[in-house]
Amino acid sequence: MSVNLTLLVVMGVLYTVGVYLVLERSLTRVLLGVMLLTNATNLLIVHAAGMPGLAPLYSSDVDPQDYTDPLPQALVLTAIVIGLAVTAFLLGLIYRSWVLSRRDVIADDDEDRRVATQSSFIDEEDAELPEDTSEFDDEQLEANERESELRHQREVEWAQSQKHDRENNDRDGGQR
């Protein structure tokens, strides 16, 4: 198997430009970057499939080694469909952004800036820790356990009374 150098260079350029475009602020450039990354990945899968061969249709006079593996072709077809769905979703986002703000560029959020500038350790908030870190109240847990035990005891008593009633009915029914 020989390596097609031209295909490798094209894949490298597609990946490089795609990553660069995805890191931009413009949504249109992000869309183009995602499309380039999708196409580069499809080329990579096709290239990894190996040498081209015959179509994977069975014929008794063809050696099985001459067939092309159909799995990479199916993966590429699936990747194309997924890429189309992602592209349609991004186009919808771009359109909605354009309708709402007439801008294609994503700006920094004020809250993100505020969080980035604040200190990661605040003395007043971390100085006092509550003693009980459990979210459950011990008294409530004990009350629930007692209630559960009482319910179980009532069920056992009811089952025993039902059994006793059946035995009495069977004895009375047998004498008649």
N, C-alpha and C. Protein backbone atom coordinates (compact mmCIF):
# COMPACT_ATOMS: atom_id res chain seq x y z
N MET A 1 0.85 -1.17 0.00
CA MET A 1 0.00 0.00 0.00
C MET A 1 0.89 1.23 0.00
N SER A 2 0.72 2.06 -0.99
CA SER A 2 1.51 3.29 -1.07
C SER A 2 0.68 4.44 -0.51
N VAL A 3 1.39 5.39 0.08
CA VAL A 3 0.72 6.54 0.68
C VAL A 3 0.60 7.63 -0.37
N ASN A 4 -0.60 8.13 -0.55
CA ASN A 4 -0.82 9.22 -1.49
C ASN A 4 -0.48 10.52 -0.77
N LEU A 5 0.68 11.09 -1.11
CA LEU A 5 1.17 12.28 -0.42
C LEU A 5 0.26 13.48 -0.66
N THR A 6 -0.29 13.60 -1.85
CA THR A 6 -1.17 14.73 -2.15
C THR A 6 -2.41 14.71 -1.25
N LEU A 7 -2.98 13.54 -1.07
CA LEU A 7 -4.16 13.41 -0.21
C LEU A 7 -3.83 13.77 1.24
N LEU A 8 -2.66 13.36 1.71
CA LEU A 8 -2.25 13.70 3.07
C LEU A 8 -2.05 15.20 3.25
N VAL A 9 -1.46 15.86 2.24
CA VAL A 9 -1.26 17.32 2.32
C VAL A 9 -2.61 18.03 2.31
N VAL A 10 -3.53 17.58 1.47
CA VAL A 10 -4.86 18.19 1.42
C VAL A 10 -5.57 18.02 2.76
N MET A 11 -5.48 16.82 3.35
CA MET A 11 -6.09 16.60 4.66
C MET A 11 -5.47 17.51 5.72
N GLY A 12 -4.16 17.65 5.70
CA GLY A 12 -3.48 18.52 6.66
C GLY A 12 -3.92 19.96 6.53
N VAL A 13 -4.02 20.44 5.29
CA VAL A 13 -4.46 21.82 5.06
C VAL A 13 -5.91 22.00 5.51
N LEU A 14 -6.77 21.03 5.20
CA LEU A 14 -8.17 21.12 5.61
C LEU A 14 -8.30 21.14 7.14
N TYR A 15 -7.56 20.27 7.82
CA TYR A 15 -7.60 20.28 9.29
C TYR A 15 -7.07 21.59 9.86
N THR A 16 -5.97 22.09 9.32
CA THR A 16 -5.38 23.33 9.84
C THR A 16 -6.32 24.51 9.66
N VAL A 17 -6.83 24.68 8.45
CA VAL A 17 -7.73 25.81 8.19
C VAL A 17 -9.04 25.64 8.96
N GLY A 18 -9.52 24.40 9.07
CA GLY A 18 -10.76 24.15 9.81
C GLY A 18 -10.63 24.51 11.28
N VAL A 19 -9.54 24.11 11.92
CA VAL A 19 -9.34 24.45 13.33
C VAL A 19 -9.20 25.95 13.50
N TYR A 20 -8.47 26.60 12.59
CA TYR A 20 -8.32 28.06 12.67
C TYR A 20 -9.68 28.75 12.57
N LEU A 21 -10.52 28.32 11.65
CA LEU A 21 -11.82 28.95 11.46
C LEU A 21 -12.77 28.68 12.63
N VAL A 22 -12.69 27.49 13.22
CA VAL A 22 -13.57 27.18 14.36
C VAL A 22 -13.24 28.06 15.56
N LEU A 23 -12.00 28.49 15.68
CA LEU A 23 -11.58 29.32 16.81
C LEU A 23 -11.89 30.80 16.62
N GLU A 24 -12.48 31.18 15.51
CA GLU A 24 -12.82 32.58 15.25
C GLU A 24 -14.12 32.95 15.98
N ARG A 25 -14.41 34.25 16.06
CA ARG A 25 -15.63 34.74 16.72
C ARG A 25 -16.82 34.79 15.77
N SER A 26 -16.59 34.82 14.49
CA SER A 26 -17.68 34.91 13.52
C SER A 26 -18.33 33.54 13.34
N LEU A 27 -19.66 33.52 13.44
CA LEU A 27 -20.37 32.24 13.30
C LEU A 27 -20.26 31.66 11.90
N THR A 28 -20.18 32.52 10.90
CA THR A 28 -20.04 32.03 9.53
C THR A 28 -18.70 31.32 9.36
N ARG A 29 -17.67 31.87 9.95
CA ARG A 29 -16.35 31.22 9.88
C ARG A 29 -16.35 29.91 10.66
N VAL A 30 -17.05 29.88 11.77
CA VAL A 30 -17.16 28.64 12.53
C VAL A 30 -17.86 27.57 11.68
N LEU A 31 -18.91 27.96 10.98
CA LEU A 31 -19.61 27.03 10.10
C LEU A 31 -18.68 26.49 9.02
N LEU A 32 -17.92 27.38 8.38
CA LEU A 32 -16.99 26.93 7.34
C LEU A 32 -15.92 26.02 7.93
N GLY A 33 -15.45 26.33 9.14
CA GLY A 33 -14.46 25.48 9.80
C GLY A 33 -14.99 24.10 10.10
N VAL A 34 -16.22 24.01 10.57
CA VAL A 34 -16.82 22.71 10.85
C VAL A 34 -16.98 21.91 9.55
N MET A 35 -17.36 22.57 8.50
CA MET A 35 -17.50 21.87 7.21
C MET A 35 -16.15 21.35 6.72
N LEU A 36 -15.09 22.15 6.87
CA LEU A 36 -13.76 21.70 6.45
C LEU A 36 -13.28 20.54 7.31
N LEU A 37 -13.52 20.60 8.61
CA LEU A 37 -13.13 19.50 9.49
C LEU A 37 -13.88 18.21 9.14
N THR A 38 -15.15 18.34 8.80
CA THR A 38 -15.95 17.17 8.41
C THR A 38 -15.39 16.54 7.14
N ASN A 39 -15.08 17.38 6.15
CA ASN A 39 -14.53 16.85 4.90
C ASN A 39 -13.15 16.24 5.10
N ALA A 40 -12.32 16.85 5.94
CA ALA A 40 -11.00 16.29 6.20
C ALA A 40 -11.11 14.94 6.89
N THR A 41 -12.05 14.81 7.80
CA THR A 41 -12.25 13.53 8.49
C THR A 41 -12.75 12.47 7.53
N ASN A 42 -13.63 12.84 6.62
CA ASN A 42 -14.10 11.88 5.61
C ASN A 42 -12.94 11.41 4.73
N LEU A 43 -12.07 12.34 4.33
CA LEU A 43 -10.89 11.95 3.54
C LEU A 43 -9.97 11.02 4.34
N LEU A 44 -9.83 11.30 5.62
CA LEU A 44 -8.98 10.45 6.47
C LEU A 44 -9.54 9.03 6.54
N ILE A 45 -10.84 8.90 6.69
CA ILE A 45 -11.45 7.57 6.77
C ILE A 45 -11.29 6.83 5.45
N VAL A 46 -11.49 7.53 4.35
CA VAL A 46 -11.34 6.90 3.03
C VAL A 46 -9.89 6.48 2.82
N HIS A 47 -8.96 7.34 3.22
CA HIS A 47 -7.54 7.03 3.04
C HIS A 47 -7.12 5.86 3.94
N ALA A 48 -7.68 5.78 5.14
CA ALA A 48 -7.34 4.69 6.06
C ALA A 48 -7.94 3.36 5.61
N ALA A 49 -8.90 3.39 4.69
CA ALA A 49 -9.55 2.16 4.22
C ALA A 49 -8.61 1.30 3.41
N GLY A 50 -7.57 1.89 2.85
CA GLY A 50 -6.61 1.11 2.09
C GLY A 50 -6.75 1.33 0.60
N MET A 51 -6.13 0.42 -0.13
CA MET A 51 -6.11 0.53 -1.59
C MET A 51 -7.51 0.33 -2.17
N PRO A 52 -7.81 1.04 -3.23
CA PRO A 52 -9.11 0.82 -3.87
C PRO A 52 -9.14 -0.56 -4.51
N GLY A 53 -10.31 -1.14 -4.53
CA GLY A 53 -10.47 -2.46 -5.11
C GLY A 53 -11.81 -2.54 -5.81
N LEU A 54 -12.29 -3.75 -5.96
CA LEU A 54 -13.58 -3.97 -6.61
C LEU A 54 -14.71 -3.62 -5.64
N ALA A 55 -15.86 -3.36 -6.21
CA ALA A 55 -17.03 -3.07 -5.38
C ALA A 55 -17.34 -4.29 -4.52
N PRO A 56 -17.80 -4.08 -3.29
CA PRO A 56 -18.03 -5.21 -2.38
C PRO A 56 -19.31 -5.98 -2.71
N LEU A 57 -19.47 -6.36 -3.96
CA LEU A 57 -20.59 -7.19 -4.39
C LEU A 57 -20.06 -8.59 -4.66
N TYR A 58 -20.70 -9.59 -4.10
CA TYR A 58 -20.18 -10.95 -4.17
C TYR A 58 -20.29 -11.50 -5.58
N SER A 59 -19.18 -12.09 -5.99
CA SER A 59 -19.15 -12.82 -7.26
C SER A 59 -18.24 -14.03 -7.04
N SER A 60 -18.64 -15.19 -7.52
CA SER A 60 -17.89 -16.42 -7.23
C SER A 60 -16.54 -16.46 -7.94
N ASP A 61 -16.37 -15.72 -9.04
CA ASP A 61 -15.10 -15.77 -9.77
C ASP A 61 -14.08 -14.72 -9.33
N VAL A 62 -14.38 -13.95 -8.27
CA VAL A 62 -13.47 -12.91 -7.78
C VAL A 62 -12.86 -13.35 -6.46
N ASP A 63 -11.55 -13.15 -6.33
CA ASP A 63 -10.85 -13.48 -5.10
C ASP A 63 -11.30 -12.53 -3.99
N PRO A 64 -11.59 -13.02 -2.79
CA PRO A 64 -12.05 -12.14 -1.70
C PRO A 64 -11.04 -11.04 -1.33
N GLN A 65 -9.77 -11.24 -1.62
CA GLN A 65 -8.76 -10.23 -1.32
C GLN A 65 -8.88 -9.00 -2.21
N ASP A 66 -9.56 -9.14 -3.35
CA ASP A 66 -9.67 -8.02 -4.30
C ASP A 66 -10.81 -7.06 -3.97
N TYR A 67 -11.65 -7.45 -3.03
CA TYR A 67 -12.78 -6.58 -2.67
C TYR A 67 -12.32 -5.39 -1.83
N THR A 68 -13.10 -4.33 -1.90
CA THR A 68 -12.89 -3.18 -1.03
C THR A 68 -13.71 -3.39 0.24
N ASP A 69 -13.15 -2.96 1.37
CA ASP A 69 -13.87 -3.08 2.64
C ASP A 69 -15.04 -2.10 2.63
N PRO A 70 -16.28 -2.56 2.82
CA PRO A 70 -17.44 -1.65 2.77
C PRO A 70 -17.64 -0.83 4.04
N LEU A 71 -17.01 -1.21 5.16
CA LEU A 71 -17.22 -0.51 6.42
C LEU A 71 -16.78 0.96 6.37
N PRO A 72 -15.59 1.29 5.86
CA PRO A 72 -15.23 2.71 5.79
C PRO A 72 -16.17 3.53 4.90
N GLN A 73 -16.67 2.91 3.85
CA GLN A 73 -17.62 3.62 2.99
C GLN A 73 -18.91 3.92 3.75
N ALA A 74 -19.36 2.97 4.55
CA ALA A 74 -20.56 3.19 5.36
C ALA A 74 -20.31 4.25 6.43
N LEU A 75 -19.11 4.25 7.02
CA LEU A 75 -18.77 5.27 8.01
C LEU A 75 -18.76 6.66 7.40
N VAL A 76 -18.20 6.77 6.20
CA VAL A 76 -18.15 8.07 5.53
C VAL A 76 -19.56 8.53 5.18
N LEU A 77 -20.40 7.63 4.73
CA LEU A 77 -21.78 8.00 4.42
C LEU A 77 -22.50 8.49 5.67
N THR A 78 -22.30 7.81 6.79
CA THR A 78 -22.89 8.25 8.06
C THR A 78 -22.32 9.60 8.48
N ALA A 79 -21.01 9.79 8.31
CA ALA A 79 -20.38 11.06 8.67
C ALA A 79 -20.89 12.20 7.81
N ILE A 80 -21.19 11.93 6.56
CA ILE A 80 -21.74 12.96 5.68
C ILE A 80 -23.12 13.40 6.17
N VAL A 81 -23.94 12.43 6.56
CA VAL A 81 -25.28 12.75 7.05
C VAL A 81 -25.19 13.54 8.35
N ILE A 82 -24.31 13.13 9.26
CA ILE A 82 -24.15 13.86 10.52
C ILE A 82 -23.61 15.25 10.26
N GLY A 83 -22.65 15.38 9.34
CA GLY A 83 -22.12 16.69 8.99
C GLY A 83 -23.18 17.60 8.40
N LEU A 84 -24.08 17.03 7.61
CA LEU A 84 -25.17 17.82 7.05
C LEU A 84 -26.10 18.32 8.15
N ALA A 85 -26.39 17.46 9.14
CA ALA A 85 -27.25 17.87 10.25
C ALA A 85 -26.60 18.97 11.09
N VAL A 86 -25.31 18.84 11.36
CA VAL A 86 -24.60 19.86 12.13
C VAL A 86 -24.56 21.17 11.36
N THR A 87 -24.34 21.09 10.06
CA THR A 87 -24.33 22.29 9.22
C THR A 87 -25.70 22.98 9.24
N ALA A 88 -26.76 22.20 9.13
CA ALA A 88 -28.11 22.78 9.17
C ALA A 88 -28.38 23.44 10.52
N PHE A 89 -27.94 22.80 11.60
CA PHE A 89 -28.13 23.38 12.94
C PHE A 89 -27.35 24.69 13.07
N LEU A 90 -26.11 24.71 12.62
CA LEU A 90 -25.32 25.94 12.70
C LEU A 90 -25.91 27.04 11.81
N LEU A 91 -26.43 26.67 10.66
CA LEU A 91 -27.09 27.67 9.81
C LEU A 91 -28.30 28.27 10.52
N GLY A 92 -29.05 27.44 11.22
CA GLY A 92 -30.18 27.95 12.00
C GLY A 92 -29.73 28.90 13.09
N LEU A 93 -28.63 28.57 13.78
CA LEU A 93 -28.09 29.47 14.80
C LEU A 93 -27.63 30.79 14.20
N ILE A 94 -26.97 30.70 13.06
CA ILE A 94 -26.47 31.92 12.41
C ILE A 94 -27.64 32.80 11.98
N TYR A 95 -28.67 32.18 11.41
CA TYR A 95 -29.83 32.95 10.97
C TYR A 95 -30.52 33.62 12.15
N ARG A 96 -30.69 32.88 13.25
CA ARG A 96 -31.35 33.44 14.43
C ARG A 96 -30.53 34.58 15.03
N SER A 97 -29.23 34.41 15.06
CA SER A 97 -28.36 35.46 15.57
C SER A 97 -28.44 36.70 14.69
N TRP A 98 -28.52 36.51 13.39
CA TRP A 98 -28.61 37.64 12.46
C TRP A 98 -29.95 38.36 12.60
N VAL A 99 -31.03 37.61 12.76
CA VAL A 99 -32.35 38.22 12.91
C VAL A 99 -32.43 39.02 14.20
N LEU A 100 -31.88 38.49 15.29
CA LEU A 100 -31.99 39.16 16.58
C LEU A 100 -31.06 40.36 16.73
N SER A 101 -29.83 40.24 16.27
CA SER A 101 -28.87 41.30 16.57
C SER A 101 -28.20 41.91 15.34
N ARG A 102 -28.49 41.40 14.18
CA ARG A 102 -27.88 41.89 12.94
C ARG A 102 -26.35 41.84 13.01
N ARG A 103 -25.84 40.87 13.77
CA ARG A 103 -24.40 40.69 13.88
C ARG A 103 -24.09 39.21 13.77
N ASP A 104 -22.90 38.93 13.26
CA ASP A 104 -22.47 37.56 13.09
C ASP A 104 -21.38 37.19 14.10
N VAL A 105 -20.93 38.17 14.85
CA VAL A 105 -19.81 37.96 15.77
C VAL A 105 -20.35 37.73 17.18
N ILE A 106 -19.79 36.76 17.86
CA ILE A 106 -20.18 36.47 19.24
C ILE A 106 -19.31 37.32 20.15
N ALA A 107 -19.94 38.13 21.00
CA ALA A 107 -19.21 39.00 21.92
C ALA A 107 -18.98 38.29 23.25
N ASP A 108 -18.02 38.82 24.01
CA ASP A 108 -17.79 38.29 25.36
C ASP A 108 -18.98 38.61 26.24
N ASP A 109 -19.30 37.69 27.11
CA ASP A 109 -20.39 37.88 28.05
C ASP A 109 -19.86 38.64 29.27
N ASP A 110 -20.64 39.60 29.78
CA ASP A 110 -20.22 40.38 30.94
C ASP A 110 -20.02 39.49 32.17
N GLU A 111 -20.87 38.50 32.33
CA GLU A 111 -20.73 37.59 33.47
C GLU A 111 -19.43 36.79 33.38
N ASP A 112 -19.05 36.38 32.17
CA ASP A 112 -17.79 35.66 32.01
C ASP A 112 -16.61 36.54 32.39
N ARG A 113 -16.65 37.78 32.01
CA ARG A 113 -15.58 38.71 32.38
C ARG A 113 -15.51 38.88 33.89
N ARG A 114 -16.67 39.01 34.55
CA ARG A 114 -16.70 39.20 35.99
C ARG A 114 -16.14 37.97 36.72
N VAL A 115 -16.51 36.79 36.27
CA VAL A 115 -16.03 35.57 36.91
C VAL A 115 -14.52 35.42 36.69
N ALA A 116 -14.04 35.79 35.52
CA ALA A 116 -12.61 35.66 35.23
C ALA A 116 -11.77 36.60 36.07
N THR A 117 -12.31 37.75 36.46
CA THR A 117 -11.52 38.72 37.22
C THR A 117 -11.61 38.53 38.72
N GLN A 118 -12.58 37.78 39.22
CA GLN A 118 -12.73 37.65 40.67
C GLN A 118 -11.71 36.66 41.22
N SER A 119 -11.42 36.81 42.50
CA SER A 119 -10.48 35.92 43.17
C SER A 119 -11.12 34.55 43.33
N SER A 120 -10.30 33.52 43.26
CA SER A 120 -10.85 32.17 43.38
C SER A 120 -11.06 31.77 44.84
N PHE A 121 -10.53 32.56 45.80
CA PHE A 121 -10.68 32.24 47.22
C PHE A 121 -11.17 33.48 47.95
N ILE A 122 -12.31 33.35 48.59
CA ILE A 122 -12.87 34.46 49.36
C ILE A 122 -12.87 34.03 50.82
N ASP A 123 -12.15 34.79 51.67
CA ASP A 123 -11.97 34.40 53.07
C ASP A 123 -13.29 34.32 53.83
N GLU A 124 -14.16 35.31 53.66
CA GLU A 124 -15.39 35.35 54.45
C GLU A 124 -16.29 34.16 54.16
N GLU A 125 -16.38 33.75 52.91
CA GLU A 125 -17.29 32.66 52.57
C GLU A 125 -16.75 31.31 53.01
N ASP A 126 -15.43 31.14 53.02
CA ASP A 126 -14.85 29.85 53.33
C ASP A 126 -14.46 29.71 54.80
N ALA A 127 -14.60 30.76 55.61
CA ALA A 127 -14.16 30.71 57.00
C ALA A 127 -15.08 29.84 57.85
N GLU A 128 -16.38 29.93 57.68
CA GLU A 128 -17.33 29.19 58.50
C GLU A 128 -17.93 28.04 57.71
N LEU A 129 -17.64 26.85 58.17
CA LEU A 129 -18.22 25.67 57.54
C LEU A 129 -19.27 25.09 58.48
N PRO A 130 -20.38 24.67 57.97
CA PRO A 130 -21.40 24.08 58.84
C PRO A 130 -20.89 22.76 59.40
N GLU A 131 -21.33 22.43 60.63
CA GLU A 131 -20.88 21.20 61.27
C GLU A 131 -21.47 19.98 60.60
N ASP A 132 -22.77 20.00 60.38
CA ASP A 132 -23.43 18.86 59.78
C ASP A 132 -23.49 19.06 58.28
N THR A 133 -22.76 18.24 57.54
CA THR A 133 -22.74 18.38 56.09
C THR A 133 -23.76 17.47 55.42
N SER A 134 -24.47 16.67 56.24
CA SER A 134 -25.47 15.78 55.68
C SER A 134 -26.71 16.58 55.30
N GLU A 135 -27.33 16.18 54.22
CA GLU A 135 -28.55 16.87 53.82
C GLU A 135 -29.79 16.27 54.48
N PHE A 136 -29.60 15.19 55.26
CA PHE A 136 -30.72 14.54 55.91
C PHE A 136 -30.68 14.83 57.41
N ASP A 137 -31.83 15.03 57.99
CA ASP A 137 -31.96 15.27 59.42
C ASP A 137 -32.03 13.91 60.13
N ASP A 138 -31.19 13.71 61.17
CA ASP A 138 -31.15 12.43 61.87
C ASP A 138 -32.48 12.09 62.53
N GLU A 139 -33.13 13.07 63.14
CA GLU A 139 -34.41 12.82 63.78
C GLU A 139 -35.46 12.39 62.76
N GLN A 140 -35.43 13.02 61.60
CA GLN A 140 -36.39 12.67 60.55
C GLN A 140 -36.13 11.24 60.06
N LEU A 141 -34.84 10.88 59.92
CA LEU A 141 -34.51 9.52 59.49
C LEU A 141 -35.01 8.49 60.50
N GLU A 142 -34.82 8.76 61.80
CA GLU A 142 -35.28 7.83 62.83
C GLU A 142 -36.80 7.72 62.82
N ALA A 143 -37.50 8.84 62.64
CA ALA A 143 -38.96 8.80 62.57
C ALA A 143 -39.43 7.99 61.37
N ASN A 144 -38.75 8.15 60.24
CA ASN A 144 -39.11 7.38 59.05
C ASN A 144 -38.88 5.89 59.27
N GLU A 145 -37.79 5.53 59.96
CA GLU A 145 -37.52 4.12 60.23
C GLU A 145 -38.58 3.53 61.16
N ARG A 146 -38.96 4.28 62.21
CA ARG A 146 -40.00 3.79 63.12
C ARG A 146 -41.32 3.60 62.39
N GLU A 147 -41.67 4.56 61.54
CA GLU A 147 -42.92 4.46 60.78
C GLU A 147 -42.89 3.26 59.85
N SER A 148 -41.74 3.01 59.24
CA SER A 148 -41.61 1.87 58.35
C SER A 148 -41.75 0.55 59.11
N GLU A 149 -41.15 0.48 60.32
CA GLU A 149 -41.27 -0.73 61.13
C GLU A 149 -42.72 -0.96 61.56
N LEU A 150 -43.43 0.10 61.95
CA LEU A 150 -44.84 -0.04 62.34
C LEU A 150 -45.69 -0.51 61.17
N ARG A 151 -45.44 0.05 60.00
CA ARG A 151 -46.19 -0.35 58.81
C ARG A 151 -45.95 -1.83 58.51
N HIS A 152 -44.69 -2.26 58.62
CA HIS A 152 -44.36 -3.65 58.37
C HIS A 152 -45.05 -4.56 59.40
N GLN A 153 -45.05 -4.14 60.67
CA GLN A 153 -45.69 -4.93 61.72
C GLN A 153 -47.19 -5.05 61.46
N ARG A 154 -47.85 -3.95 61.04
CA ARG A 154 -49.28 -4.01 60.73
C ARG A 154 -49.56 -4.94 59.55
N GLU A 155 -48.69 -4.92 58.54
CA GLU A 155 -48.87 -5.81 57.39
C GLU A 155 -48.74 -7.27 57.79
N VAL A 156 -47.78 -7.57 58.67
CA VAL A 156 -47.61 -8.95 59.13
C VAL A 156 -48.84 -9.39 59.92
N GLU A 157 -49.35 -8.53 60.82
CA GLU A 157 -50.54 -8.86 61.60
C GLU A 157 -51.75 -9.07 60.70
N TRP A 158 -51.90 -8.24 59.69
CA TRP A 158 -53.03 -8.38 58.76
C TRP A 158 -52.93 -9.70 58.00
N ALA A 159 -51.70 -10.04 57.54
CA ALA A 159 -51.52 -11.30 56.81
C ALA A 159 -51.83 -12.49 57.70
N GLN A 160 -51.43 -12.42 58.98
CA GLN A 160 -51.73 -13.52 59.90
C GLN A 160 -53.23 -13.64 60.16
N SER A 161 -53.92 -12.50 60.30
CA SER A 161 -55.37 -12.56 60.52
C SER A 161 -56.08 -13.12 59.29
N GLN A 162 -55.60 -12.78 58.10
CA GLN A 162 -56.21 -13.32 56.88
C GLN A 162 -56.01 -14.83 56.82
N LYS A 163 -54.82 -15.28 57.21
CA LYS A 163 -54.54 -16.72 57.21
C LYS A 163 -55.44 -17.43 58.23
N HIS A 164 -55.59 -16.83 59.40
CA HIS A 164 -56.45 -17.40 60.45
C HIS A 164 -57.91 -17.47 59.98
N ASP A 165 -58.39 -16.41 59.32
CA ASP A 165 -59.77 -16.40 58.81
C ASP A 165 -59.98 -17.48 57.77
N ARG A 166 -58.99 -17.68 56.88
CA ARG A 166 -59.11 -18.72 55.85
C ARG A 166 -59.17 -20.11 56.49
N GLU A 167 -58.34 -20.31 57.50
CA GLU A 167 -58.35 -21.61 58.18
C GLU A 167 -59.71 -21.87 58.85
N ASN A 168 -60.28 -20.85 59.47
CA ASN A 168 -61.60 -21.00 60.11
C ASN A 168 -62.67 -21.28 59.07
N ASN A 169 -62.61 -20.59 57.94
CA ASN A 169 -63.60 -20.81 56.88
C ASN A 169 -63.47 -22.20 56.30
N ASP A 170 -62.24 -22.69 56.16
CA ASP A 170 -62.04 -24.03 55.63
C ASP A 170 -62.59 -25.09 56.59
N ARG A 171 -62.40 -24.88 57.89
CA ARG A 171 -62.92 -25.82 58.88
C ARG A 171 -64.44 -25.81 58.89
N ASP A 172 -65.02 -24.62 58.84
CA ASP A 172 -66.49 -24.51 58.85
C ASP A 172 -67.08 -25.06 57.56
N GLY A 173 -66.43 -24.83 56.45
CA GLY A 173 -66.94 -25.30 55.17
C GLY A 173 -66.85 -26.80 55.04
N GLY A 174 -65.87 -27.42 55.69
CA GLY A 174 -65.71 -28.87 55.62
C GLY A 174 -66.77 -29.60 56.42
N GLN A 175 -67.36 -28.98 57.48
CA GLN A 175 -68.35 -29.63 58.31
C GLN A 175 -69.73 -29.56 57.70
N ARG A 176 -69.98 -28.67 56.83
CA ARG A 176 -71.32 -28.53 56.25
C ARG A 176 -71.58 -29.56 55.27
